[in-house]
Amino acid sequence: MYISKGVLKMNRARPKQIIIRASEEEFNYIKSKVEMSKLKQNKYLLKCALGKEVVVIDGLNDFTLELKRIGNNLNQLTKAAHEGKVNCAAELQDINGEMKEVWQLLRSLIQRQH
């Protein structure tokens, strides 16, 4: 539930509310875990209560950006190989396959994180 312009509104997807009590120490511990997870408090607590895994991967955005750059360079090399400018087509095919595997693993990690 939340108040918008003086009107009490209820979350339609999750109309039920659970209230818990915690000591100051427990409260601070939970808050720090929520902050580390980079999730909203409600989402974090629901995942924990429902036994779902909370995955935190620091630097994932930087890793994704660098992987995109590597893929770009790989595409440029592949184009050059097809144009006959370099002779490394077999190696590029192997690297392309490995890059696909890395992307699949990255997607899997991202899905686990959300």
PDB file of N, CA and C in Angstrom:
ATOM      1  N   MET A   1       0.837  -1.187   0.000  1.00  0.00           N
ATOM      2  CA  MET A   1       0.000   0.000   0.000  1.00  0.00           C
ATOM      3  C   MET A   1       0.876   1.242   0.000  1.00  0.00           C
ATOM      4  N   TYR A   2       0.412   2.287  -0.647  1.00  0.00           N
ATOM      5  CA  TYR A   2       1.107   3.554  -0.613  1.00  0.00           C
ATOM      6  C   TYR A   2       0.097   4.682  -0.762  1.00  0.00           C
ATOM      7  N   ILE A   3       0.511   5.873  -0.393  1.00  0.00           N
ATOM      8  CA  ILE A   3      -0.380   7.022  -0.461  1.00  0.00           C
ATOM      9  C   ILE A   3       0.041   7.898  -1.629  1.00  0.00           C
ATOM     10  N   SER A   4      -0.893   8.208  -2.507  1.00  0.00           N
ATOM     11  CA  SER A   4      -0.636   9.056  -3.656  1.00  0.00           C
ATOM     12  C   SER A   4      -1.675  10.166  -3.675  1.00  0.00           C
ATOM     13  N   LYS A   5      -1.229  11.401  -3.508  1.00  0.00           N
ATOM     14  CA  LYS A   5      -2.124  12.566  -3.504  1.00  0.00           C
ATOM     15  C   LYS A   5      -3.268  12.384  -2.517  1.00  0.00           C
ATOM     16  N   GLY A   6      -2.930  11.871  -1.329  1.00  0.00           N
ATOM     17  CA  GLY A   6      -3.930  11.746  -0.280  1.00  0.00           C
ATOM     18  C   GLY A   6      -4.847  10.545  -0.417  1.00  0.00           C
ATOM     19  N   VAL A   7      -4.637   9.709  -1.423  1.00  0.00           N
ATOM     20  CA  VAL A   7      -5.488   8.543  -1.627  1.00  0.00           C
ATOM     21  C   VAL A   7      -4.674   7.296  -1.319  1.00  0.00           C
ATOM     22  N   LEU A   8      -5.232   6.413  -0.509  1.00  0.00           N
ATOM     23  CA  LEU A   8      -4.560   5.169  -0.159  1.00  0.00           C
ATOM     24  C   LEU A   8      -4.732   4.187  -1.312  1.00  0.00           C
ATOM     25  N   LYS A   9      -3.630   3.694  -1.866  1.00  0.00           N
ATOM     26  CA  LYS A   9      -3.685   2.750  -2.980  1.00  0.00           C
ATOM     27  C   LYS A   9      -3.036   1.440  -2.564  1.00  0.00           C
ATOM     28  N   MET A  10      -3.478   0.364  -3.152  1.00  0.00           N
ATOM     29  CA  MET A  10      -2.947  -0.950  -2.840  1.00  0.00           C
ATOM     30  C   MET A  10      -2.252  -1.526  -4.064  1.00  0.00           C
ATOM     31  N   ASN A  11      -1.119  -2.198  -3.858  1.00  0.00           N
ATOM     32  CA  ASN A  11      -0.435  -2.889  -4.941  1.00  0.00           C
ATOM     33  C   ASN A  11      -1.324  -4.041  -5.394  1.00  0.00           C
ATOM     34  N   ARG A  12      -1.789  -4.004  -6.633  1.00  0.00           N
ATOM     35  CA  ARG A  12      -2.742  -5.005  -7.123  1.00  0.00           C
ATOM     36  C   ARG A  12      -2.091  -6.370  -7.322  1.00  0.00           C
ATOM     37  N   ALA A  13      -0.809  -6.389  -7.661  1.00  0.00           N
ATOM     38  CA  ALA A  13      -0.133  -7.666  -7.875  1.00  0.00           C
ATOM     39  C   ALA A  13       0.142  -8.376  -6.551  1.00  0.00           C
ATOM     40  N   ARG A  14       0.342  -7.604  -5.509  1.00  0.00           N
ATOM     41  CA  ARG A  14       0.634  -8.161  -4.187  1.00  0.00           C
ATOM     42  C   ARG A  14      -0.191  -7.408  -3.132  1.00  0.00           C
ATOM     43  N   PRO A  15      -1.448  -7.771  -2.990  1.00  0.00           N
ATOM     44  CA  PRO A  15      -2.312  -7.022  -2.089  1.00  0.00           C
ATOM     45  C   PRO A  15      -2.087  -7.333  -0.605  1.00  0.00           C
ATOM     46  N   LYS A  16      -1.398  -8.398  -0.278  1.00  0.00           N
ATOM     47  CA  LYS A  16      -1.200  -8.792   1.119  1.00  0.00           C
ATOM     48  C   LYS A  16       0.069  -8.169   1.678  1.00  0.00           C
ATOM     49  N   GLN A  17       0.016  -7.855   2.954  1.00  0.00           N
ATOM     50  CA  GLN A  17       1.154  -7.212   3.616  1.00  0.00           C
ATOM     51  C   GLN A  17       1.579  -8.056   4.806  1.00  0.00           C
ATOM     52  N   ILE A  18       2.884  -8.176   5.001  1.00  0.00           N
ATOM     53  CA  ILE A  18       3.436  -8.890   6.151  1.00  0.00           C
ATOM     54  C   ILE A  18       4.304  -7.910   6.920  1.00  0.00           C
ATOM     55  N   ILE A  19       4.099  -7.850   8.215  1.00  0.00           N
ATOM     56  CA  ILE A  19       4.893  -6.952   9.058  1.00  0.00           C
ATOM     57  C   ILE A  19       5.705  -7.817  10.010  1.00  0.00           C
ATOM     58  N   ILE A  20       7.002  -7.523  10.107  1.00  0.00           N
ATOM     59  CA  ILE A  20       7.851  -8.260  11.046  1.00  0.00           C
ATOM     60  C   ILE A  20       8.506  -7.272  12.012  1.00  0.00           C
ATOM     61  N   ARG A  21       8.925  -7.771  13.118  1.00  0.00           N
ATOM     62  CA  ARG A  21       9.644  -6.962  14.092  1.00  0.00           C
ATOM     63  C   ARG A  21      11.075  -7.503  14.176  1.00  0.00           C
ATOM     64  N   ALA A  22      12.029  -6.589  14.315  1.00  0.00           N
ATOM     65  CA  ALA A  22      13.436  -6.980  14.380  1.00  0.00           C
ATOM     66  C   ALA A  22      14.142  -6.108  15.408  1.00  0.00           C
ATOM     67  N   SER A  23      15.205  -6.670  15.986  1.00  0.00           N
ATOM     68  CA  SER A  23      16.034  -5.863  16.885  1.00  0.00           C
ATOM     69  C   SER A  23      16.811  -4.860  16.039  1.00  0.00           C
ATOM     70  N   GLU A  24      17.430  -3.895  16.679  1.00  0.00           N
ATOM     71  CA  GLU A  24      18.234  -2.907  15.955  1.00  0.00           C
ATOM     72  C   GLU A  24      19.342  -3.601  15.168  1.00  0.00           C
ATOM     73  N   GLU A  25      19.972  -4.582  15.784  1.00  0.00           N
ATOM     74  CA  GLU A  25      21.065  -5.324  15.135  1.00  0.00           C
ATOM     75  C   GLU A  25      20.549  -6.107  13.922  1.00  0.00           C
ATOM     76  N   GLU A  26      19.414  -6.804  14.080  1.00  0.00           N
ATOM     77  CA  GLU A  26      18.830  -7.556  12.968  1.00  0.00           C
ATOM     78  C   GLU A  26      18.414  -6.620  11.837  1.00  0.00           C
ATOM     79  N   PHE A  27      17.798  -5.511  12.212  1.00  0.00           N
ATOM     80  CA  PHE A  27      17.354  -4.529  11.229  1.00  0.00           C
ATOM     81  C   PHE A  27      18.530  -4.015  10.404  1.00  0.00           C
ATOM     82  N   ASN A  28      19.608  -3.637  11.083  1.00  0.00           N
ATOM     83  CA  ASN A  28      20.798  -3.123  10.386  1.00  0.00           C
ATOM     84  C   ASN A  28      21.420  -4.195   9.494  1.00  0.00           C
ATOM     85  N   TYR A  29      21.439  -5.433   9.973  1.00  0.00           N
ATOM     86  CA  TYR A  29      21.993  -6.539   9.183  1.00  0.00           C
ATOM     87  C   TYR A  29      21.164  -6.742   7.908  1.00  0.00           C
ATOM     88  N   ILE A  30      19.830  -6.759   8.065  1.00  0.00           N
ATOM     89  CA  ILE A  30      18.955  -6.937   6.903  1.00  0.00           C
ATOM     90  C   ILE A  30      19.128  -5.778   5.929  1.00  0.00           C
ATOM     91  N   LYS A  31      19.181  -4.562   6.446  1.00  0.00           N
ATOM     92  CA  LYS A  31      19.370  -3.386   5.581  1.00  0.00           C
ATOM     93  C   LYS A  31      20.673  -3.490   4.788  1.00  0.00           C
ATOM     94  N   SER A  32      21.745  -3.932   5.444  1.00  0.00           N
ATOM     95  CA  SER A  32      23.022  -4.039   4.737  1.00  0.00           C
ATOM     96  C   SER A  32      22.957  -5.119   3.653  1.00  0.00           C
ATOM     97  N   LYS A  33      22.258  -6.229   3.930  1.00  0.00           N
ATOM     98  CA  LYS A  33      22.106  -7.288   2.929  1.00  0.00           C
ATOM     99  C   LYS A  33      21.291  -6.783   1.734  1.00  0.00           C
ATOM    100  N   VAL A  34      20.243  -5.995   2.014  1.00  0.00           N
ATOM    101  CA  VAL A  34      19.424  -5.424   0.943  1.00  0.00           C
ATOM    102  C   VAL A  34      20.273  -4.501   0.082  1.00  0.00           C
ATOM    103  N   GLU A  35      21.064  -3.650   0.714  1.00  0.00           N
ATOM    104  CA  GLU A  35      21.920  -2.719  -0.030  1.00  0.00           C
ATOM    105  C   GLU A  35      22.932  -3.467  -0.891  1.00  0.00           C
ATOM    106  N   MET A  36      23.530  -4.518  -0.331  1.00  0.00           N
ATOM    107  CA  MET A  36      24.506  -5.302  -1.090  1.00  0.00           C
ATOM    108  C   MET A  36      23.861  -5.991  -2.294  1.00  0.00           C
ATOM    109  N   SER A  37      22.597  -6.376  -2.153  1.00  0.00           N
ATOM    110  CA  SER A  37      21.914  -7.086  -3.229  1.00  0.00           C
ATOM    111  C   SER A  37      21.545  -6.169  -4.387  1.00  0.00           C
ATOM    112  N   LYS A  38      21.495  -4.865  -4.123  1.00  0.00           N
ATOM    113  CA  LYS A  38      21.091  -3.873  -5.124  1.00  0.00           C
ATOM    114  C   LYS A  38      19.657  -4.101  -5.606  1.00  0.00           C
ATOM    115  N   LEU A  39      18.869  -4.797  -4.800  1.00  0.00           N
ATOM    116  CA  LEU A  39      17.455  -5.009  -5.090  1.00  0.00           C
ATOM    117  C   LEU A  39      16.636  -4.086  -4.196  1.00  0.00           C
ATOM    118  N   LYS A  40      15.379  -3.904  -4.542  1.00  0.00           N
ATOM    119  CA  LYS A  40      14.475  -3.190  -3.647  1.00  0.00           C
ATOM    120  C   LYS A  40      14.231  -4.097  -2.441  1.00  0.00           C
ATOM    121  N   GLN A  41      13.988  -3.472  -1.292  1.00  0.00           N
ATOM    122  CA  GLN A  41      13.838  -4.232  -0.054  1.00  0.00           C
ATOM    123  C   GLN A  41      12.751  -5.296  -0.183  1.00  0.00           C
ATOM    124  N   ASN A  42      11.605  -4.944  -0.736  1.00  0.00           N
ATOM    125  CA  ASN A  42      10.499  -5.884  -0.884  1.00  0.00           C
ATOM    126  C   ASN A  42      10.920  -7.095  -1.717  1.00  0.00           C
ATOM    127  N   LYS A  43      11.576  -6.831  -2.844  1.00  0.00           N
ATOM    128  CA  LYS A  43      11.996  -7.917  -3.735  1.00  0.00           C
ATOM    129  C   LYS A  43      13.025  -8.821  -3.042  1.00  0.00           C
ATOM    130  N   TYR A  44      13.984  -8.210  -2.328  1.00  0.00           N
ATOM    131  CA  TYR A  44      15.002  -8.991  -1.627  1.00  0.00           C
ATOM    132  C   TYR A  44      14.356  -9.899  -0.570  1.00  0.00           C
ATOM    133  N   LEU A  45      13.483  -9.320   0.254  1.00  0.00           N
ATOM    134  CA  LEU A  45      12.861 -10.093   1.335  1.00  0.00           C
ATOM    135  C   LEU A  45      11.962 -11.195   0.784  1.00  0.00           C
ATOM    136  N   LEU A  46      11.247 -10.926  -0.304  1.00  0.00           N
ATOM    137  CA  LEU A  46      10.430 -11.970  -0.921  1.00  0.00           C
ATOM    138  C   LEU A  46      11.289 -13.123  -1.435  1.00  0.00           C
ATOM    139  N   LYS A  47      12.393 -12.790  -2.105  1.00  0.00           N
ATOM    140  CA  LYS A  47      13.293 -13.841  -2.608  1.00  0.00           C
ATOM    141  C   LYS A  47      13.799 -14.702  -1.455  1.00  0.00           C
ATOM    142  N   CYS A  48      14.227 -14.051  -0.384  1.00  0.00           N
ATOM    143  CA  CYS A  48      14.742 -14.800   0.774  1.00  0.00           C
ATOM    144  C   CYS A  48      13.661 -15.691   1.382  1.00  0.00           C
ATOM    145  N   ALA A  49      12.484 -15.123   1.596  1.00  0.00           N
ATOM    146  CA  ALA A  49      11.397 -15.862   2.229  1.00  0.00           C
ATOM    147  C   ALA A  49      10.913 -17.027   1.374  1.00  0.00           C
ATOM    148  N   LEU A  50      10.979 -16.872   0.058  1.00  0.00           N
ATOM    149  CA  LEU A  50      10.513 -17.918  -0.850  1.00  0.00           C
ATOM    150  C   LEU A  50      11.618 -18.912  -1.216  1.00  0.00           C
ATOM    151  N   GLY A  51      12.775 -18.764  -0.579  1.00  0.00           N
ATOM    152  CA  GLY A  51      13.872 -19.703  -0.789  1.00  0.00           C
ATOM    153  C   GLY A  51      14.574 -19.544  -2.116  1.00  0.00           C
ATOM    154  N   LYS A  52      14.414 -18.380  -2.742  1.00  0.00           N
ATOM    155  CA  LYS A  52      15.089 -18.149  -4.024  1.00  0.00           C
ATOM    156  C   LYS A  52      16.494 -17.633  -3.765  1.00  0.00           C
ATOM    157  N   GLU A  53      17.375 -17.914  -4.684  1.00  0.00           N
ATOM    158  CA  GLU A  53      18.769 -17.505  -4.560  1.00  0.00           C
ATOM    159  C   GLU A  53      18.919 -16.021  -4.881  1.00  0.00           C
ATOM    160  N   VAL A  54      19.650 -15.306  -4.025  1.00  0.00           N
ATOM    161  CA  VAL A  54      19.960 -13.899  -4.278  1.00  0.00           C
ATOM    162  C   VAL A  54      21.406 -13.848  -4.736  1.00  0.00           C
ATOM    163  N   VAL A  55      21.621 -13.456  -5.983  1.00  0.00           N
ATOM    164  CA  VAL A  55      22.952 -13.450  -6.571  1.00  0.00           C
ATOM    165  C   VAL A  55      23.388 -12.006  -6.783  1.00  0.00           C
ATOM    166  N   VAL A  56      24.572 -11.667  -6.268  1.00  0.00           N
ATOM    167  CA  VAL A  56      25.126 -10.328  -6.449  1.00  0.00           C
ATOM    168  C   VAL A  56      26.441 -10.474  -7.198  1.00  0.00           C
ATOM    169  N   ILE A  57      26.526  -9.797  -8.332  1.00  0.00           N
ATOM    170  CA  ILE A  57      27.744  -9.882  -9.138  1.00  0.00           C
ATOM    171  C   ILE A  57      28.250  -8.462  -9.354  1.00  0.00           C
ATOM    172  N   ASP A  58      29.278  -8.089  -8.600  1.00  0.00           N
ATOM    173  CA  ASP A  58      29.853  -6.759  -8.760  1.00  0.00           C
ATOM    174  C   ASP A  58      30.626  -6.680 -10.071  1.00  0.00           C
ATOM    175  N   GLY A  59      30.522  -5.540 -10.731  1.00  0.00           N
ATOM    176  CA  GLY A  59      31.273  -5.318 -11.962  1.00  0.00           C
ATOM    177  C   GLY A  59      30.671  -5.965 -13.185  1.00  0.00           C
ATOM    178  N   LEU A  60      29.440  -6.435 -13.080  1.00  0.00           N
ATOM    179  CA  LEU A  60      28.812  -7.122 -14.205  1.00  0.00           C
ATOM    180  C   LEU A  60      28.643  -6.191 -15.405  1.00  0.00           C
ATOM    181  N   ASN A  61      28.263  -4.944 -15.153  1.00  0.00           N
ATOM    182  CA  ASN A  61      28.095  -3.997 -16.267  1.00  0.00           C
ATOM    183  C   ASN A  61      29.419  -3.736 -16.977  1.00  0.00           C
ATOM    184  N   ASP A  62      30.508  -3.578 -16.210  1.00  0.00           N
ATOM    185  CA  ASP A  62      31.829  -3.363 -16.814  1.00  0.00           C
ATOM    186  C   ASP A  62      32.246  -4.574 -17.633  1.00  0.00           C
ATOM    187  N   PHE A  63      31.987  -5.755 -17.090  1.00  0.00           N
ATOM    188  CA  PHE A  63      32.323  -6.996 -17.785  1.00  0.00           C
ATOM    189  C   PHE A  63      31.552  -7.094 -19.100  1.00  0.00           C
ATOM    190  N   THR A  64      30.263  -6.785 -19.066  1.00  0.00           N
ATOM    191  CA  THR A  64      29.427  -6.848 -20.259  1.00  0.00           C
ATOM    192  C   THR A  64      29.933  -5.881 -21.321  1.00  0.00           C
ATOM    193  N   LEU A  65      30.277  -4.673 -20.904  1.00  0.00           N
ATOM    194  CA  LEU A  65      30.788  -3.667 -21.842  1.00  0.00           C
ATOM    195  C   LEU A  65      32.081  -4.152 -22.500  1.00  0.00           C
ATOM    196  N   GLU A  66      32.988  -4.697 -21.708  1.00  0.00           N
ATOM    197  CA  GLU A  66      34.262  -5.184 -22.257  1.00  0.00           C
ATOM    198  C   GLU A  66      34.029  -6.366 -23.194  1.00  0.00           C
ATOM    199  N   LEU A  67      33.099  -7.227 -22.843  1.00  0.00           N
ATOM    200  CA  LEU A  67      32.786  -8.369 -23.696  1.00  0.00           C
ATOM    201  C   LEU A  67      32.215  -7.898 -25.039  1.00  0.00           C
ATOM    202  N   LYS A  68      31.408  -6.847 -25.013  1.00  0.00           N
ATOM    203  CA  LYS A  68      30.886  -6.285 -26.258  1.00  0.00           C
ATOM    204  C   LYS A  68      32.015  -5.734 -27.118  1.00  0.00           C
ATOM    205  N   ARG A  69      32.985  -5.085 -26.501  1.00  0.00           N
ATOM    206  CA  ARG A  69      34.126  -4.546 -27.251  1.00  0.00           C
ATOM    207  C   ARG A  69      34.932  -5.671 -27.906  1.00  0.00           C
ATOM    208  N   ILE A  70      35.149  -6.737 -27.138  1.00  0.00           N
ATOM    209  CA  ILE A  70      35.881  -7.890 -27.677  1.00  0.00           C
ATOM    210  C   ILE A  70      35.107  -8.478 -28.860  1.00  0.00           C
ATOM    211  N   GLY A  71      33.789  -8.595 -28.715  1.00  0.00           N
ATOM    212  CA  GLY A  71      32.952  -9.105 -29.797  1.00  0.00           C
ATOM    213  C   GLY A  71      33.037  -8.236 -31.037  1.00  0.00           C
ATOM    214  N   ASN A  72      33.083  -6.934 -30.826  1.00  0.00           N
ATOM    215  CA  ASN A  72      33.227  -5.992 -31.943  1.00  0.00           C
ATOM    216  C   ASN A  72      34.534  -6.233 -32.692  1.00  0.00           C
ATOM    217  N   ASN A  73      35.621  -6.333 -31.944  1.00  0.00           N
ATOM    218  CA  ASN A  73      36.925  -6.594 -32.550  1.00  0.00           C
ATOM    219  C   ASN A  73      36.925  -7.932 -33.288  1.00  0.00           C
ATOM    220  N   LEU A  74      36.299  -8.916 -32.694  1.00  0.00           N
ATOM    221  CA  LEU A  74      36.213 -10.237 -33.308  1.00  0.00           C
ATOM    222  C   LEU A  74      35.441 -10.169 -34.630  1.00  0.00           C
ATOM    223  N   ASN A  75      34.358  -9.405 -34.638  1.00  0.00           N
ATOM    224  CA  ASN A  75      33.591  -9.242 -35.883  1.00  0.00           C
ATOM    225  C   ASN A  75      34.425  -8.567 -36.965  1.00  0.00           C
ATOM    226  N   GLN A  76      35.223  -7.579 -36.585  1.00  0.00           N
ATOM    227  CA  GLN A  76      36.080  -6.899 -37.547  1.00  0.00           C
ATOM    228  C   GLN A  76      37.131  -7.855 -38.120  1.00  0.00           C
ATOM    229  N   LEU A  77      37.713  -8.683 -37.262  1.00  0.00           N
ATOM    230  CA  LEU A  77      38.692  -9.673 -37.727  1.00  0.00           C
ATOM    231  C   LEU A  77      38.034 -10.705 -38.644  1.00  0.00           C
ATOM    232  N   THR A  78      36.826 -11.130 -38.280  1.00  0.00           N
ATOM    233  CA  THR A  78      36.107 -12.102 -39.104  1.00  0.00           C
ATOM    234  C   THR A  78      35.832 -11.530 -40.493  1.00  0.00           C
ATOM    235  N   LYS A  79      35.418 -10.273 -40.527  1.00  0.00           N
ATOM    236  CA  LYS A  79      35.170  -9.611 -41.812  1.00  0.00           C
ATOM    237  C   LYS A  79      36.457  -9.557 -42.642  1.00  0.00           C
ATOM    238  N   ALA A  80      37.570  -9.199 -41.979  1.00  0.00           N
ATOM    239  CA  ALA A  80      38.860  -9.135 -42.682  1.00  0.00           C
ATOM    240  C   ALA A  80      39.254 -10.511 -43.205  1.00  0.00           C
ATOM    241  N   ALA A  81      38.974 -11.572 -42.435  1.00  0.00           N
ATOM    242  CA  ALA A  81      39.303 -12.936 -42.878  1.00  0.00           C
ATOM    243  C   ALA A  81      38.470 -13.313 -44.099  1.00  0.00           C
ATOM    244  N   HIS A  82      37.204 -12.949 -44.102  1.00  0.00           N
ATOM    245  CA  HIS A  82      36.337 -13.257 -45.244  1.00  0.00           C
ATOM    246  C   HIS A  82      36.744 -12.476 -46.495  1.00  0.00           C
ATOM    247  N   GLU A  83      37.319 -11.315 -46.283  1.00  0.00           N
ATOM    248  CA  GLU A  83      37.770 -10.502 -47.411  1.00  0.00           C
ATOM    249  C   GLU A  83      39.161 -10.907 -47.882  1.00  0.00           C
ATOM    250  N   GLY A  84      39.787 -11.875 -47.184  1.00  0.00           N
ATOM    251  CA  GLY A  84      41.105 -12.353 -47.568  1.00  0.00           C
ATOM    252  C   GLY A  84      42.245 -11.487 -47.071  1.00  0.00           C
ATOM    253  N   LYS A  85      41.979 -10.556 -46.178  1.00  0.00           N
ATOM    254  CA  LYS A  85      43.025  -9.663 -45.669  1.00  0.00           C
ATOM    255  C   LYS A  85      43.885 -10.337 -44.598  1.00  0.00           C
ATOM    256  N   VAL A  86      43.315 -11.315 -43.890  1.00  0.00           N
ATOM    257  CA  VAL A  86      44.076 -12.080 -42.886  1.00  0.00           C
ATOM    258  C   VAL A  86      43.740 -13.555 -43.073  1.00  0.00           C
ATOM    259  N   ASN A  87      44.638 -14.417 -42.616  1.00  0.00           N
ATOM    260  CA  ASN A  87      44.435 -15.846 -42.772  1.00  0.00           C
ATOM    261  C   ASN A  87      44.342 -16.509 -41.400  1.00  0.00           C
ATOM    262  N   CYS A  88      43.165 -16.388 -40.802  1.00  0.00           N
ATOM    263  CA  CYS A  88      42.979 -17.008 -39.485  1.00  0.00           C
ATOM    264  C   CYS A  88      41.525 -17.442 -39.302  1.00  0.00           C
ATOM    265  N   ALA A  89      40.900 -17.868 -40.370  1.00  0.00           N
ATOM    266  CA  ALA A  89      39.476 -18.212 -40.345  1.00  0.00           C
ATOM    267  C   ALA A  89      39.170 -19.319 -39.335  1.00  0.00           C
ATOM    268  N   ALA A  90      39.990 -20.366 -39.282  1.00  0.00           N
ATOM    269  CA  ALA A  90      39.733 -21.482 -38.361  1.00  0.00           C
ATOM    270  C   ALA A  90      39.795 -21.022 -36.908  1.00  0.00           C
ATOM    271  N   GLU A  91      40.819 -20.225 -36.587  1.00  0.00           N
ATOM    272  CA  GLU A  91      40.956 -19.719 -35.223  1.00  0.00           C
ATOM    273  C   GLU A  91      39.783 -18.812 -34.854  1.00  0.00           C
ATOM    274  N   LEU A  92      39.346 -18.002 -35.817  1.00  0.00           N
ATOM    275  CA  LEU A  92      38.218 -17.104 -35.559  1.00  0.00           C
ATOM    276  C   LEU A  92      36.937 -17.882 -35.304  1.00  0.00           C
ATOM    277  N   GLN A  93      36.748 -18.995 -36.001  1.00  0.00           N
ATOM    278  CA  GLN A  93      35.564 -19.838 -35.767  1.00  0.00           C
ATOM    279  C   GLN A  93      35.584 -20.393 -34.348  1.00  0.00           C
ATOM    280  N   ASP A  94      36.757 -20.846 -33.897  1.00  0.00           N
ATOM    281  CA  ASP A  94      36.887 -21.354 -32.532  1.00  0.00           C
ATOM    282  C   ASP A  94      36.567 -20.257 -31.510  1.00  0.00           C
ATOM    283  N   ILE A  95      37.122 -19.069 -31.739  1.00  0.00           N
ATOM    284  CA  ILE A  95      36.911 -17.943 -30.823  1.00  0.00           C
ATOM    285  C   ILE A  95      35.438 -17.540 -30.821  1.00  0.00           C
ATOM    286  N   ASN A  96      34.812 -17.518 -32.002  1.00  0.00           N
ATOM    287  CA  ASN A  96      33.383 -17.200 -32.081  1.00  0.00           C
ATOM    288  C   ASN A  96      32.556 -18.168 -31.240  1.00  0.00           C
ATOM    289  N   GLY A  97      32.878 -19.446 -31.319  1.00  0.00           N
ATOM    290  CA  GLY A  97      32.173 -20.457 -30.523  1.00  0.00           C
ATOM    291  C   GLY A  97      32.339 -20.222 -29.036  1.00  0.00           C
ATOM    292  N   GLU A  98      33.570 -19.912 -28.639  1.00  0.00           N
ATOM    293  CA  GLU A  98      33.830 -19.646 -27.226  1.00  0.00           C
ATOM    294  C   GLU A  98      33.126 -18.372 -26.760  1.00  0.00           C
ATOM    295  N   MET A  99      33.073 -17.362 -27.619  1.00  0.00           N
ATOM    296  CA  MET A  99      32.370 -16.124 -27.269  1.00  0.00           C
ATOM    297  C   MET A  99      30.882 -16.395 -27.060  1.00  0.00           C
ATOM    298  N   LYS A 100      30.300 -17.244 -27.885  1.00  0.00           N
ATOM    299  CA  LYS A 100      28.888 -17.593 -27.724  1.00  0.00           C
ATOM    300  C   LYS A 100      28.657 -18.252 -26.370  1.00  0.00           C
ATOM    301  N   GLU A 101      29.565 -19.134 -25.964  1.00  0.00           N
ATOM    302  CA  GLU A 101      29.450 -19.785 -24.665  1.00  0.00           C
ATOM    303  C   GLU A 101      29.532 -18.761 -23.528  1.00  0.00           C
ATOM    304  N   VAL A 102      30.447 -17.808 -23.643  1.00  0.00           N
ATOM    305  CA  VAL A 102      30.600 -16.767 -22.623  1.00  0.00           C
ATOM    306  C   VAL A 102      29.328 -15.933 -22.528  1.00  0.00           C
ATOM    307  N   TRP A 103      28.754 -15.568 -23.662  1.00  0.00           N
ATOM    308  CA  TRP A 103      27.507 -14.787 -23.664  1.00  0.00           C
ATOM    309  C   TRP A 103      26.381 -15.567 -23.011  1.00  0.00           C
ATOM    310  N   GLN A 104      26.301 -16.875 -23.283  1.00  0.00           N
ATOM    311  CA  GLN A 104      25.253 -17.694 -22.673  1.00  0.00           C
ATOM    312  C   GLN A 104      25.427 -17.748 -21.156  1.00  0.00           C
ATOM    313  N   LEU A 105      26.660 -17.896 -20.701  1.00  0.00           N
ATOM    314  CA  LEU A 105      26.915 -17.900 -19.261  1.00  0.00           C
ATOM    315  C   LEU A 105      26.570 -16.553 -18.636  1.00  0.00           C
ATOM    316  N   LEU A 106      26.914 -15.483 -19.324  1.00  0.00           N
ATOM    317  CA  LEU A 106      26.608 -14.140 -18.832  1.00  0.00           C
ATOM    318  C   LEU A 106      25.099 -13.938 -18.732  1.00  0.00           C
ATOM    319  N   ARG A 107      24.370 -14.343 -19.754  1.00  0.00           N
ATOM    320  CA  ARG A 107      22.902 -14.226 -19.704  1.00  0.00           C
ATOM    321  C   ARG A 107      22.326 -15.015 -18.534  1.00  0.00           C
ATOM    322  N   SER A 108      22.871 -16.200 -18.316  1.00  0.00           N
ATOM    323  CA  SER A 108      22.411 -17.031 -17.207  1.00  0.00           C
ATOM    324  C   SER A 108      22.654 -16.335 -15.865  1.00  0.00           C
ATOM    325  N   LEU A 109      23.834 -15.727 -15.709  1.00  0.00           N
ATOM    326  CA  LEU A 109      24.137 -14.995 -14.473  1.00  0.00           C
ATOM    327  C   LEU A 109      23.206 -13.807 -14.285  1.00  0.00           C
ATOM    328  N   ILE A 110      22.942 -13.086 -15.359  1.00  0.00           N
ATOM    329  CA  ILE A 110      22.064 -11.921 -15.271  1.00  0.00           C
ATOM    330  C   ILE A 110      20.655 -12.351 -14.872  1.00  0.00           C
ATOM    331  N   GLN A 111      20.170 -13.454 -15.444  1.00  0.00           N
ATOM    332  CA  GLN A 111      18.842 -13.944 -15.088  1.00  0.00           C
ATOM    333  C   GLN A 111      18.788 -14.361 -13.630  1.00  0.00           C
ATOM    334  N   ARG A 112      19.839 -14.981 -13.123  1.00  0.00           N
ATOM    335  CA  ARG A 112      19.880 -15.383 -11.713  1.00  0.00           C
ATOM    336  C   ARG A 112      19.905 -14.173 -10.795  1.00  0.00           C
ATOM    337  N   GLN A 113      20.498 -13.091 -11.257  1.00  0.00           N
ATOM    338  CA  GLN A 113      20.620 -11.892 -10.436  1.00  0.00           C
ATOM    339  C   GLN A 113      19.272 -11.201 -10.254  1.00  0.00           C
ATOM    340  N   HIS A 114      18.419 -11.262 -11.273  1.00  0.00           N
ATOM    341  CA  HIS A 114      17.119 -10.579 -11.204  1.00  0.00           C
ATOM    342  C   HIS A 114      16.127 -11.524 -10.715  1.00  0.00           C
TER     343      HIS A 114
END
